Amino acid sequence: MTFTSKAEADAYDKMLDMADALQTLLQASTLMATEQQAESLALYLAQQKDELLVALGAKKAPTKGAQKGSEQTATLSVDEMTDQVTELVASDDSVDAPIEPTIKSLKKSGKTEAA
């Protein structure tokens, strides 16, 4: 993956670090059947950081008036996020054929630097 700025590369690296920490937390529980499930869920949660913080009550949901012009972003409701996480955890496909690259492989690839 290549980035157009150092800020983008740094943000991506920060997201991967967050996913790594979340994976450690998930693997410490008995809720994840496999390491691949924990890794996939951790990566998903890290990618959905803002929505997760709203769901946990650590951050207020953005108001409709606060979003400006064409920079409006799509946000998931708590129910939509719960449904996606449930589908991800229940999926047996992640064990045999991972769709997402692993966190470790993304970090090792060295392609997270700005172009």
PDB file of N, CA and C in Angstrom:
ATOM      1  N   MET A   1       0.839  -1.165   0.000  1.00  0.00           N
ATOM      2  CA  MET A   1       0.000   0.000   0.000  1.00  0.00           C
ATOM      3  C   MET A   1       0.889   1.234   0.000  1.00  0.00           C
ATOM      4  N   THR A   2       0.576   2.179  -0.852  1.00  0.00           N
ATOM      5  CA  THR A   2       1.345   3.409  -0.909  1.00  0.00           C
ATOM      6  C   THR A   2       0.466   4.573  -0.478  1.00  0.00           C
ATOM      7  N   PHE A   3       1.096   5.594   0.053  1.00  0.00           N
ATOM      8  CA  PHE A   3       0.384   6.748   0.563  1.00  0.00           C
ATOM      9  C   PHE A   3       0.920   8.011  -0.093  1.00  0.00           C
ATOM     10  N   THR A   4       0.076   9.010  -0.178  1.00  0.00           N
ATOM     11  CA  THR A   4       0.481  10.268  -0.801  1.00  0.00           C
ATOM     12  C   THR A   4       1.105  11.222   0.196  1.00  0.00           C
ATOM     13  N   SER A   5       0.971  10.941   1.489  1.00  0.00           N
ATOM     14  CA  SER A   5       1.570  11.833   2.481  1.00  0.00           C
ATOM     15  C   SER A   5       2.043  11.032   3.690  1.00  0.00           C
ATOM     16  N   LYS A   6       2.935  11.637   4.423  1.00  0.00           N
ATOM     17  CA  LYS A   6       3.436  11.017   5.645  1.00  0.00           C
ATOM     18  C   LYS A   6       2.309  10.903   6.669  1.00  0.00           C
ATOM     19  N   ALA A   7       1.403  11.865   6.699  1.00  0.00           N
ATOM     20  CA  ALA A   7       0.292  11.837   7.651  1.00  0.00           C
ATOM     21  C   ALA A   7      -0.605  10.626   7.407  1.00  0.00           C
ATOM     22  N   GLU A   8      -0.870  10.304   6.135  1.00  0.00           N
ATOM     23  CA  GLU A   8      -1.682   9.136   5.806  1.00  0.00           C
ATOM     24  C   GLU A   8      -0.987   7.851   6.246  1.00  0.00           C
ATOM     25  N   ALA A   9       0.304   7.764   5.987  1.00  0.00           N
ATOM     26  CA  ALA A   9       1.073   6.581   6.375  1.00  0.00           C
ATOM     27  C   ALA A   9       1.101   6.433   7.897  1.00  0.00           C
ATOM     28  N   ASP A  10       1.274   7.539   8.608  1.00  0.00           N
ATOM     29  CA  ASP A  10       1.286   7.501  10.067  1.00  0.00           C
ATOM     30  C   ASP A  10      -0.068   7.078  10.627  1.00  0.00           C
ATOM     31  N   ALA A  11      -1.152   7.573  10.024  1.00  0.00           N
ATOM     32  CA  ALA A  11      -2.495   7.203  10.466  1.00  0.00           C
ATOM     33  C   ALA A  11      -2.731   5.706  10.251  1.00  0.00           C
ATOM     34  N   TYR A  12      -2.257   5.185   9.134  1.00  0.00           N
ATOM     35  CA  TYR A  12      -2.409   3.759   8.840  1.00  0.00           C
ATOM     36  C   TYR A  12      -1.597   2.913   9.826  1.00  0.00           C
ATOM     37  N   ASP A  13      -0.381   3.333  10.108  1.00  0.00           N
ATOM     38  CA  ASP A  13       0.452   2.623  11.081  1.00  0.00           C
ATOM     39  C   ASP A  13      -0.193   2.635  12.466  1.00  0.00           C
ATOM     40  N   LYS A  14      -0.790   3.762  12.832  1.00  0.00           N
ATOM     41  CA  LYS A  14      -1.473   3.869  14.118  1.00  0.00           C
ATOM     42  C   LYS A  14      -2.665   2.911  14.175  1.00  0.00           C
ATOM     43  N   MET A  15      -3.405   2.803  13.074  1.00  0.00           N
ATOM     44  CA  MET A  15      -4.534   1.883  13.007  1.00  0.00           C
ATOM     45  C   MET A  15      -4.058   0.438  13.164  1.00  0.00           C
ATOM     46  N   LEU A  16      -2.928   0.089  12.540  1.00  0.00           N
ATOM     47  CA  LEU A  16      -2.380  -1.267  12.668  1.00  0.00           C
ATOM     48  C   LEU A  16      -1.923  -1.555  14.094  1.00  0.00           C
ATOM     49  N   ASP A  17      -1.337  -0.554  14.746  1.00  0.00           N
ATOM     50  CA  ASP A  17      -0.923  -0.728  16.141  1.00  0.00           C
ATOM     51  C   ASP A  17      -2.142  -0.954  17.035  1.00  0.00           C
ATOM     52  N   MET A  18      -3.211  -0.205  16.761  1.00  0.00           N
ATOM     53  CA  MET A  18      -4.445  -0.374  17.527  1.00  0.00           C
ATOM     54  C   MET A  18      -5.017  -1.775  17.303  1.00  0.00           C
ATOM     55  N   ALA A  19      -5.000  -2.238  16.066  1.00  0.00           N
ATOM     56  CA  ALA A  19      -5.499  -3.577  15.749  1.00  0.00           C
ATOM     57  C   ALA A  19      -4.675  -4.635  16.468  1.00  0.00           C
ATOM     58  N   ASP A  20      -3.385  -4.443  16.546  1.00  0.00           N
ATOM     59  CA  ASP A  20      -2.509  -5.390  17.236  1.00  0.00           C
ATOM     60  C   ASP A  20      -2.856  -5.461  18.722  1.00  0.00           C
ATOM     61  N   ALA A  21      -3.095  -4.305  19.340  1.00  0.00           N
ATOM     62  CA  ALA A  21      -3.464  -4.267  20.758  1.00  0.00           C
ATOM     63  C   ALA A  21      -4.836  -4.905  20.983  1.00  0.00           C
ATOM     64  N   LEU A  22      -5.769  -4.645  20.086  1.00  0.00           N
ATOM     65  CA  LEU A  22      -7.102  -5.240  20.196  1.00  0.00           C
ATOM     66  C   LEU A  22      -7.027  -6.762  20.035  1.00  0.00           C
ATOM     67  N   GLN A  23      -6.174  -7.222  19.137  1.00  0.00           N
ATOM     68  CA  GLN A  23      -6.029  -8.668  18.923  1.00  0.00           C
ATOM     69  C   GLN A  23      -5.523  -9.343  20.200  1.00  0.00           C
ATOM     70  N   THR A  24      -4.570  -8.731  20.860  1.00  0.00           N
ATOM     71  CA  THR A  24      -4.047  -9.270  22.115  1.00  0.00           C
ATOM     72  C   THR A  24      -5.168  -9.371  23.147  1.00  0.00           C
ATOM     73  N   LEU A  25      -5.998  -8.341  23.228  1.00  0.00           N
ATOM     74  CA  LEU A  25      -7.124  -8.340  24.158  1.00  0.00           C
ATOM     75  C   LEU A  25      -8.121  -9.444  23.816  1.00  0.00           C
ATOM     76  N   LEU A  26      -8.450  -9.587  22.538  1.00  0.00           N
ATOM     77  CA  LEU A  26      -9.416 -10.598  22.119  1.00  0.00           C
ATOM     78  C   LEU A  26      -8.902 -12.014  22.336  1.00  0.00           C
ATOM     79  N   GLN A  27      -7.622 -12.223  22.087  1.00  0.00           N
ATOM     80  CA  GLN A  27      -7.055 -13.561  22.265  1.00  0.00           C
ATOM     81  C   GLN A  27      -6.976 -13.955  23.734  1.00  0.00           C
ATOM     82  N   ALA A  28      -6.923 -12.973  24.620  1.00  0.00           N
ATOM     83  CA  ALA A  28      -6.877 -13.263  26.054  1.00  0.00           C
ATOM     84  C   ALA A  28      -8.231 -13.749  26.562  1.00  0.00           C
ATOM     85  N   SER A  29      -9.287 -13.443  25.817  1.00  0.00           N
ATOM     86  CA  SER A  29     -10.616 -13.915  26.209  1.00  0.00           C
ATOM     87  C   SER A  29     -10.840 -15.312  25.645  1.00  0.00           C
ATOM     88  N   THR A  30     -11.922 -15.919  26.057  1.00  0.00           N
ATOM     89  CA  THR A  30     -12.274 -17.236  25.525  1.00  0.00           C
ATOM     90  C   THR A  30     -13.370 -17.123  24.471  1.00  0.00           C
ATOM     91  N   LEU A  31     -13.626 -15.916  23.990  1.00  0.00           N
ATOM     92  CA  LEU A  31     -14.711 -15.683  23.044  1.00  0.00           C
ATOM     93  C   LEU A  31     -14.339 -16.014  21.602  1.00  0.00           C
ATOM     94  N   MET A  32     -13.081 -15.934  21.264  1.00  0.00           N
ATOM     95  CA  MET A  32     -12.645 -16.179  19.896  1.00  0.00           C
ATOM     96  C   MET A  32     -12.206 -17.631  19.750  1.00  0.00           C
ATOM     97  N   ALA A  33     -12.770 -18.303  18.759  1.00  0.00           N
ATOM     98  CA  ALA A  33     -12.441 -19.714  18.535  1.00  0.00           C
ATOM     99  C   ALA A  33     -11.054 -19.881  17.931  1.00  0.00           C
ATOM    100  N   THR A  34     -10.657 -18.937  17.080  1.00  0.00           N
ATOM    101  CA  THR A  34      -9.359 -19.056  16.412  1.00  0.00           C
ATOM    102  C   THR A  34      -8.609 -17.731  16.459  1.00  0.00           C
ATOM    103  N   GLU A  35      -7.316 -17.822  16.246  1.00  0.00           N
ATOM    104  CA  GLU A  35      -6.480 -16.622  16.187  1.00  0.00           C
ATOM    105  C   GLU A  35      -6.880 -15.760  14.988  1.00  0.00           C
ATOM    106  N   GLN A  36      -7.256 -16.397  13.884  1.00  0.00           N
ATOM    107  CA  GLN A  36      -7.665 -15.666  12.679  1.00  0.00           C
ATOM    108  C   GLN A  36      -8.923 -14.840  12.943  1.00  0.00           C
ATOM    109  N   GLN A  37      -9.876 -15.390  13.688  1.00  0.00           N
ATOM    110  CA  GLN A  37     -11.089 -14.637  14.026  1.00  0.00           C
ATOM    111  C   GLN A  37     -10.739 -13.423  14.872  1.00  0.00           C
ATOM    112  N   ALA A  38      -9.871 -13.608  15.851  1.00  0.00           N
ATOM    113  CA  ALA A  38      -9.455 -12.503  16.715  1.00  0.00           C
ATOM    114  C   ALA A  38      -8.757 -11.426  15.897  1.00  0.00           C
ATOM    115  N   GLU A  39      -7.904 -11.846  14.970  1.00  0.00           N
ATOM    116  CA  GLU A  39      -7.177 -10.895  14.141  1.00  0.00           C
ATOM    117  C   GLU A  39      -8.112 -10.135  13.201  1.00  0.00           C
ATOM    118  N   SER A  40      -9.040 -10.837  12.579  1.00  0.00           N
ATOM    119  CA  SER A  40      -9.984 -10.196  11.666  1.00  0.00           C
ATOM    120  C   SER A  40     -10.878  -9.205  12.400  1.00  0.00           C
ATOM    121  N   LEU A  41     -11.371  -9.605  13.567  1.00  0.00           N
ATOM    122  CA  LEU A  41     -12.229  -8.722  14.346  1.00  0.00           C
ATOM    123  C   LEU A  41     -11.442  -7.516  14.851  1.00  0.00           C
ATOM    124  N   ALA A  42     -10.216  -7.731  15.294  1.00  0.00           N
ATOM    125  CA  ALA A  42      -9.379  -6.628  15.773  1.00  0.00           C
ATOM    126  C   ALA A  42      -9.124  -5.615  14.668  1.00  0.00           C
ATOM    127  N   LEU A  43      -8.826  -6.085  13.470  1.00  0.00           N
ATOM    128  CA  LEU A  43      -8.585  -5.187  12.340  1.00  0.00           C
ATOM    129  C   LEU A  43      -9.850  -4.414  11.995  1.00  0.00           C
ATOM    130  N   TYR A  44     -10.988  -5.095  11.994  1.00  0.00           N
ATOM    131  CA  TYR A  44     -12.259  -4.428  11.706  1.00  0.00           C
ATOM    132  C   TYR A  44     -12.555  -3.343  12.748  1.00  0.00           C
ATOM    133  N   LEU A  45     -12.392  -3.672  14.028  1.00  0.00           N
ATOM    134  CA  LEU A  45     -12.665  -2.695  15.083  1.00  0.00           C
ATOM    135  C   LEU A  45     -11.726  -1.496  14.998  1.00  0.00           C
ATOM    136  N   ALA A  46     -10.471  -1.737  14.672  1.00  0.00           N
ATOM    137  CA  ALA A  46      -9.522  -0.631  14.526  1.00  0.00           C
ATOM    138  C   ALA A  46      -9.908   0.268  13.348  1.00  0.00           C
ATOM    139  N   GLN A  47     -10.382  -0.340  12.261  1.00  0.00           N
ATOM    140  CA  GLN A  47     -10.813   0.445  11.098  1.00  0.00           C
ATOM    141  C   GLN A  47     -12.073   1.250  11.405  1.00  0.00           C
ATOM    142  N   GLN A  48     -12.886   0.773  12.333  1.00  0.00           N
ATOM    143  CA  GLN A  48     -14.134   1.442  12.716  1.00  0.00           C
ATOM    144  C   GLN A  48     -13.974   2.184  14.043  1.00  0.00           C
ATOM    145  N   LYS A  49     -12.785   2.693  14.309  1.00  0.00           N
ATOM    146  CA  LYS A  49     -12.447   3.298  15.598  1.00  0.00           C
ATOM    147  C   LYS A  49     -13.457   4.349  16.041  1.00  0.00           C
ATOM    148  N   ASP A  50     -13.805   5.286  15.187  1.00  0.00           N
ATOM    149  CA  ASP A  50     -14.705   6.360  15.589  1.00  0.00           C
ATOM    150  C   ASP A  50     -16.078   5.828  15.975  1.00  0.00           C
ATOM    151  N   GLU A  51     -16.619   4.911  15.173  1.00  0.00           N
ATOM    152  CA  GLU A  51     -17.918   4.325  15.484  1.00  0.00           C
ATOM    153  C   GLU A  51     -17.853   3.502  16.767  1.00  0.00           C
ATOM    154  N   LEU A  52     -16.731   2.812  16.991  1.00  0.00           N
ATOM    155  CA  LEU A  52     -16.555   2.018  18.200  1.00  0.00           C
ATOM    156  C   LEU A  52     -16.531   2.919  19.433  1.00  0.00           C
ATOM    157  N   LEU A  53     -15.825   4.036  19.346  1.00  0.00           N
ATOM    158  CA  LEU A  53     -15.773   4.963  20.476  1.00  0.00           C
ATOM    159  C   LEU A  53     -17.146   5.537  20.788  1.00  0.00           C
ATOM    160  N   VAL A  54     -17.943   5.815  19.766  1.00  0.00           N
ATOM    161  CA  VAL A  54     -19.307   6.292  19.979  1.00  0.00           C
ATOM    162  C   VAL A  54     -20.126   5.194  20.652  1.00  0.00           C
ATOM    163  N   ALA A  55     -19.999   3.961  20.166  1.00  0.00           N
ATOM    164  CA  ALA A  55     -20.752   2.843  20.731  1.00  0.00           C
ATOM    165  C   ALA A  55     -20.377   2.598  22.192  1.00  0.00           C
ATOM    166  N   LEU A  56     -19.118   2.807  22.543  1.00  0.00           N
ATOM    167  CA  LEU A  56     -18.661   2.604  23.911  1.00  0.00           C
ATOM    168  C   LEU A  56     -18.966   3.795  24.815  1.00  0.00           C
ATOM    169  N   GLY A  57     -19.443   4.878  24.230  1.00  0.00           N
ATOM    170  CA  GLY A  57     -19.769   6.067  25.005  1.00  0.00           C
ATOM    171  C   GLY A  57     -18.565   6.934  25.314  1.00  0.00           C
ATOM    172  N   ALA A  58     -17.446   6.666  24.690  1.00  0.00           N
ATOM    173  CA  ALA A  58     -16.233   7.445  24.915  1.00  0.00           C
ATOM    174  C   ALA A  58     -16.179   8.698  24.042  1.00  0.00           C
ATOM    175  N   LYS A  59     -17.076   8.778  23.090  1.00  0.00           N
ATOM    176  CA  LYS A  59     -17.090   9.894  22.147  1.00  0.00           C
ATOM    177  C   LYS A  59     -18.542  10.150  21.773  1.00  0.00           C
ATOM    178  N   LYS A  60     -18.879  11.419  21.594  1.00  0.00           N
ATOM    179  CA  LYS A  60     -20.239  11.753  21.184  1.00  0.00           C
ATOM    180  C   LYS A  60     -20.395  11.551  19.687  1.00  0.00           C
ATOM    181  N   ALA A  61     -21.569  11.097  19.301  1.00  0.00           N
ATOM    182  CA  ALA A  61     -21.865  10.925  17.872  1.00  0.00           C
ATOM    183  C   ALA A  61     -21.890  12.294  17.210  1.00  0.00           C
ATOM    184  N   PRO A  62     -21.357  12.395  15.998  1.00  0.00           N
ATOM    185  CA  PRO A  62     -21.383  13.684  15.304  1.00  0.00           C
ATOM    186  C   PRO A  62     -22.817  14.076  14.978  1.00  0.00           C
ATOM    187  N   THR A  63     -23.098  15.358  15.111  1.00  0.00           N
ATOM    188  CA  THR A  63     -24.430  15.851  14.761  1.00  0.00           C
ATOM    189  C   THR A  63     -24.476  16.094  13.264  1.00  0.00           C
ATOM    190  N   LYS A  64     -25.660  16.065  12.705  1.00  0.00           N
ATOM    191  CA  LYS A  64     -25.797  16.242  11.266  1.00  0.00           C
ATOM    192  C   LYS A  64     -25.312  17.601  10.819  1.00  0.00           C
ATOM    193  N   GLY A  65     -25.494  18.619  11.633  1.00  0.00           N
ATOM    194  CA  GLY A  65     -25.059  19.969  11.281  1.00  0.00           C
ATOM    195  C   GLY A  65     -23.552  20.147  11.352  1.00  0.00           C
ATOM    196  N   ALA A  66     -22.876  19.251  12.072  1.00  0.00           N
ATOM    197  CA  ALA A  66     -21.427  19.365  12.234  1.00  0.00           C
ATOM    198  C   ALA A  66     -20.666  18.899  11.003  1.00  0.00           C
ATOM    199  N   GLN A  67     -21.290  18.089  10.157  1.00  0.00           N
ATOM    200  CA  GLN A  67     -20.616  17.609   8.956  1.00  0.00           C
ATOM    201  C   GLN A  67     -20.706  18.683   7.884  1.00  0.00           C
ATOM    202  N   LYS A  68     -19.592  18.917   7.205  1.00  0.00           N
ATOM    203  CA  LYS A  68     -19.528  19.997   6.231  1.00  0.00           C
ATOM    204  C   LYS A  68     -19.473  19.479   4.809  1.00  0.00           C
ATOM    205  N   GLY A  69     -20.224  20.127   3.935  1.00  0.00           N
ATOM    206  CA  GLY A  69     -20.160  19.932   2.493  1.00  0.00           C
ATOM    207  C   GLY A  69     -20.035  18.510   2.031  1.00  0.00           C
ATOM    208  N   SER A  70     -19.116  18.281   1.096  1.00  0.00           N
ATOM    209  CA  SER A  70     -18.950  16.968   0.498  1.00  0.00           C
ATOM    210  C   SER A  70     -18.109  16.038   1.366  1.00  0.00           C
ATOM    211  N   GLU A  71     -17.647  16.515   2.516  1.00  0.00           N
ATOM    212  CA  GLU A  71     -16.818  15.691   3.384  1.00  0.00           C
ATOM    213  C   GLU A  71     -17.638  14.884   4.369  1.00  0.00           C
ATOM    214  N   GLN A  72     -18.939  14.739   4.124  1.00  0.00           N
ATOM    215  CA  GLN A  72     -19.766  13.932   4.996  1.00  0.00           C
ATOM    216  C   GLN A  72     -19.345  12.475   4.863  1.00  0.00           C
ATOM    217  N   THR A  73     -19.263  11.801   5.994  1.00  0.00           N
ATOM    218  CA  THR A  73     -18.846  10.405   5.973  1.00  0.00           C
ATOM    219  C   THR A  73     -20.008   9.527   6.414  1.00  0.00           C
ATOM    220  N   ALA A  74     -20.029   8.337   5.884  1.00  0.00           N
ATOM    221  CA  ALA A  74     -21.055   7.386   6.273  1.00  0.00           C
ATOM    222  C   ALA A  74     -20.667   6.784   7.611  1.00  0.00           C
ATOM    223  N   THR A  75     -21.612   6.740   8.546  1.00  0.00           N
ATOM    224  CA  THR A  75     -21.349   6.122   9.836  1.00  0.00           C
ATOM    225  C   THR A  75     -22.331   4.987  10.042  1.00  0.00           C
ATOM    226  N   LEU A  76     -21.873   3.995  10.764  1.00  0.00           N
ATOM    227  CA  LEU A  76     -22.708   2.837  11.055  1.00  0.00           C
ATOM    228  C   LEU A  76     -23.434   3.054  12.368  1.00  0.00           C
ATOM    229  N   SER A  77     -24.657   2.601  12.438  1.00  0.00           N
ATOM    230  CA  SER A  77     -25.362   2.614  13.711  1.00  0.00           C
ATOM    231  C   SER A  77     -24.787   1.488  14.566  1.00  0.00           C
ATOM    232  N   VAL A  78     -25.064   1.540  15.843  1.00  0.00           N
ATOM    233  CA  VAL A  78     -24.579   0.500  16.744  1.00  0.00           C
ATOM    234  C   VAL A  78     -25.128  -0.859  16.305  1.00  0.00           C
ATOM    235  N   ASP A  79     -26.412  -0.891  15.891  1.00  0.00           N
ATOM    236  CA  ASP A  79     -27.004  -2.151  15.443  1.00  0.00           C
ATOM    237  C   ASP A  79     -26.315  -2.681  14.191  1.00  0.00           C
ATOM    238  N   GLU A  80     -25.993  -1.795  13.243  1.00  0.00           N
ATOM    239  CA  GLU A  80     -25.312  -2.228  12.018  1.00  0.00           C
ATOM    240  C   GLU A  80     -23.919  -2.762  12.341  1.00  0.00           C
ATOM    241  N   MET A  81     -23.206  -2.076  13.247  1.00  0.00           N
ATOM    242  CA  MET A  81     -21.868  -2.526  13.627  1.00  0.00           C
ATOM    243  C   MET A  81     -21.956  -3.876  14.335  1.00  0.00           C
ATOM    244  N   THR A  82     -22.941  -4.026  15.224  1.00  0.00           N
ATOM    245  CA  THR A  82     -23.116  -5.287  15.936  1.00  0.00           C
ATOM    246  C   THR A  82     -23.388  -6.424  14.957  1.00  0.00           C
ATOM    247  N   ASP A  83     -24.243  -6.167  13.971  1.00  0.00           N
ATOM    248  CA  ASP A  83     -24.547  -7.182  12.961  1.00  0.00           C
ATOM    249  C   ASP A  83     -23.289  -7.588  12.195  1.00  0.00           C
ATOM    250  N   GLN A  84     -22.468  -6.603  11.790  1.00  0.00           N
ATOM    251  CA  GLN A  84     -21.256  -6.909  11.032  1.00  0.00           C
ATOM    252  C   GLN A  84     -20.263  -7.698  11.874  1.00  0.00           C
ATOM    253  N   VAL A  85     -20.108  -7.319  13.139  1.00  0.00           N
ATOM    254  CA  VAL A  85     -19.182  -8.032  14.019  1.00  0.00           C
ATOM    255  C   VAL A  85     -19.680  -9.454  14.247  1.00  0.00           C
ATOM    256  N   THR A  86     -20.991  -9.610  14.449  1.00  0.00           N
ATOM    257  CA  THR A  86     -21.563 -10.940  14.655  1.00  0.00           C
ATOM    258  C   THR A  86     -21.325 -11.822  13.438  1.00  0.00           C
ATOM    259  N   GLU A  87     -21.530 -11.278  12.244  1.00  0.00           N
ATOM    260  CA  GLU A  87     -21.293 -12.038  11.021  1.00  0.00           C
ATOM    261  C   GLU A  87     -19.823 -12.430  10.896  1.00  0.00           C
ATOM    262  N   LEU A  88     -18.931 -11.514  11.243  1.00  0.00           N
ATOM    263  CA  LEU A  88     -17.502 -11.782  11.146  1.00  0.00           C
ATOM    264  C   LEU A  88     -17.086 -12.894  12.101  1.00  0.00           C
ATOM    265  N   VAL A  89     -17.552 -12.823  13.339  1.00  0.00           N
ATOM    266  CA  VAL A  89     -17.180 -13.824  14.332  1.00  0.00           C
ATOM    267  C   VAL A  89     -17.784 -15.182  13.994  1.00  0.00           C
ATOM    268  N   ALA A  90     -19.015 -15.187  13.474  1.00  0.00           N
ATOM    269  CA  ALA A  90     -19.691 -16.438  13.164  1.00  0.00           C
ATOM    270  C   ALA A  90     -19.168 -17.101  11.896  1.00  0.00           C
ATOM    271  N   SER A  91     -18.467 -16.347  11.089  1.00  0.00           N
ATOM    272  CA  SER A  91     -17.996 -16.856   9.806  1.00  0.00           C
ATOM    273  C   SER A  91     -16.868 -17.867   9.997  1.00  0.00           C
ATOM    274  N   ASP A  92     -17.017 -19.016   9.381  1.00  0.00           N
ATOM    275  CA  ASP A  92     -15.950 -20.016   9.400  1.00  0.00           C
ATOM    276  C   ASP A  92     -14.995 -19.808   8.239  1.00  0.00           C
ATOM    277  N   ASP A  93     -15.386 -18.976   7.280  1.00  0.00           N
ATOM    278  CA  ASP A  93     -14.555 -18.735   6.102  1.00  0.00           C
ATOM    279  C   ASP A  93     -13.236 -18.065   6.469  1.00  0.00           C
ATOM    280  N   SER A  94     -13.226 -17.254   7.521  1.00  0.00           N
ATOM    281  CA  SER A  94     -12.014 -16.525   7.880  1.00  0.00           C
ATOM    282  C   SER A  94     -10.885 -17.461   8.278  1.00  0.00           C
ATOM    283  N   VAL A  95     -11.219 -18.670   8.692  1.00  0.00           N
ATOM    284  CA  VAL A  95     -10.187 -19.617   9.101  1.00  0.00           C
ATOM    285  C   VAL A  95      -9.488 -20.216   7.890  1.00  0.00           C
ATOM    286  N   ASP A  96     -10.257 -20.611   6.880  1.00  0.00           N
ATOM    287  CA  ASP A  96      -9.689 -21.290   5.723  1.00  0.00           C
ATOM    288  C   ASP A  96      -9.142 -20.332   4.673  1.00  0.00           C
ATOM    289  N   ALA A  97      -9.814 -19.228   4.461  1.00  0.00           N
ATOM    290  CA  ALA A  97      -9.408 -18.294   3.407  1.00  0.00           C
ATOM    291  C   ALA A  97      -9.554 -16.863   3.902  1.00  0.00           C
ATOM    292  N   PRO A  98      -8.531 -16.321   4.570  1.00  0.00           N
ATOM    293  CA  PRO A  98      -8.652 -14.964   5.084  1.00  0.00           C
ATOM    294  C   PRO A  98      -8.816 -13.965   3.938  1.00  0.00           C
ATOM    295  N   ILE A  99      -9.796 -13.119   4.078  1.00  0.00           N
ATOM    296  CA  ILE A  99     -10.068 -12.103   3.060  1.00  0.00           C
ATOM    297  C   ILE A  99      -9.127 -10.926   3.255  1.00  0.00           C
ATOM    298  N   GLU A 100      -8.971 -10.497   4.494  1.00  0.00           N
ATOM    299  CA  GLU A 100      -8.144  -9.346   4.815  1.00  0.00           C
ATOM    300  C   GLU A 100      -6.698  -9.810   5.049  1.00  0.00           C
ATOM    301  N   PRO A 101      -5.734  -9.006   4.661  1.00  0.00           N
ATOM    302  CA  PRO A 101      -4.356  -9.366   4.991  1.00  0.00           C
ATOM    303  C   PRO A 101      -4.173  -9.302   6.506  1.00  0.00           C
ATOM    304  N   THR A 102      -3.274 -10.097   7.019  1.00  0.00           N
ATOM    305  CA  THR A 102      -3.071 -10.114   8.459  1.00  0.00           C
ATOM    306  C   THR A 102      -2.375  -8.845   8.915  1.00  0.00           C
ATOM    307  N   ILE A 103      -2.567  -8.501  10.172  1.00  0.00           N
ATOM    308  CA  ILE A 103      -1.954  -7.302  10.730  1.00  0.00           C
ATOM    309  C   ILE A 103      -0.442  -7.410  10.639  1.00  0.00           C
ATOM    310  N   LYS A 104       0.085  -8.579  11.007  1.00  0.00           N
ATOM    311  CA  LYS A 104       1.537  -8.755  10.981  1.00  0.00           C
ATOM    312  C   LYS A 104       2.084  -8.642   9.562  1.00  0.00           C
ATOM    313  N   SER A 105       1.377  -9.186   8.577  1.00  0.00           N
ATOM    314  CA  SER A 105       1.875  -9.116   7.207  1.00  0.00           C
ATOM    315  C   SER A 105       1.834  -7.682   6.694  1.00  0.00           C
ATOM    316  N   LEU A 106       0.841  -6.897   7.126  1.00  0.00           N
ATOM    317  CA  LEU A 106       0.783  -5.499   6.712  1.00  0.00           C
ATOM    318  C   LEU A 106       1.941  -4.708   7.310  1.00  0.00           C
ATOM    319  N   LYS A 107       2.259  -5.002   8.579  1.00  0.00           N
ATOM    320  CA  LYS A 107       3.371  -4.300   9.218  1.00  0.00           C
ATOM    321  C   LYS A 107       4.707  -4.697   8.597  1.00  0.00           C
ATOM    322  N   LYS A 108       4.862  -5.993   8.278  1.00  0.00           N
ATOM    323  CA  LYS A 108       6.117  -6.495   7.734  1.00  0.00           C
ATOM    324  C   LYS A 108       6.342  -6.092   6.281  1.00  0.00           C
ATOM    325  N   SER A 109       5.262  -5.774   5.565  1.00  0.00           N
ATOM    326  CA  SER A 109       5.392  -5.504   4.137  1.00  0.00           C
ATOM    327  C   SER A 109       6.227  -4.263   3.849  1.00  0.00           C
ATOM    328  N   GLY A 110       6.295  -3.350   4.833  1.00  0.00           N
ATOM    329  CA  GLY A 110       7.109  -2.154   4.627  1.00  0.00           C
ATOM    330  C   GLY A 110       6.498  -1.197   3.642  1.00  0.00           C
ATOM    331  N   LYS A 111       5.258  -1.423   3.257  1.00  0.00           N
ATOM    332  CA  LYS A 111       4.617  -0.565   2.287  1.00  0.00           C
ATOM    333  C   LYS A 111       3.722   0.460   2.935  1.00  0.00           C
ATOM    334  N   THR A 112       3.922   0.719   4.207  1.00  0.00           N
ATOM    335  CA  THR A 112       3.102   1.706   4.901  1.00  0.00           C
ATOM    336  C   THR A 112       3.793   3.062   4.978  1.00  0.00           C
ATOM    337  N   GLU A 113       4.849   3.220   4.221  1.00  0.00           N
ATOM    338  CA  GLU A 113       5.548   4.500   4.217  1.00  0.00           C
ATOM    339  C   GLU A 113       4.972   5.406   3.148  1.00  0.00           C
ATOM    340  N   ALA A 114       5.125   6.695   3.341  1.00  0.00           N
ATOM    341  CA  ALA A 114       4.617   7.663   2.369  1.00  0.00           C
ATOM    342  C   ALA A 114       5.381   7.510   1.059  1.00  0.00           C
ATOM    343  N   ALA A 115       4.648   7.711  -0.039  1.00  0.00           N
ATOM    344  CA  ALA A 115       5.265   7.563  -1.368  1.00  0.00           C
ATOM    345  C   ALA A 115       6.136   8.758  -1.686  1.00  0.00           C
TER     346      ALA A 115
END
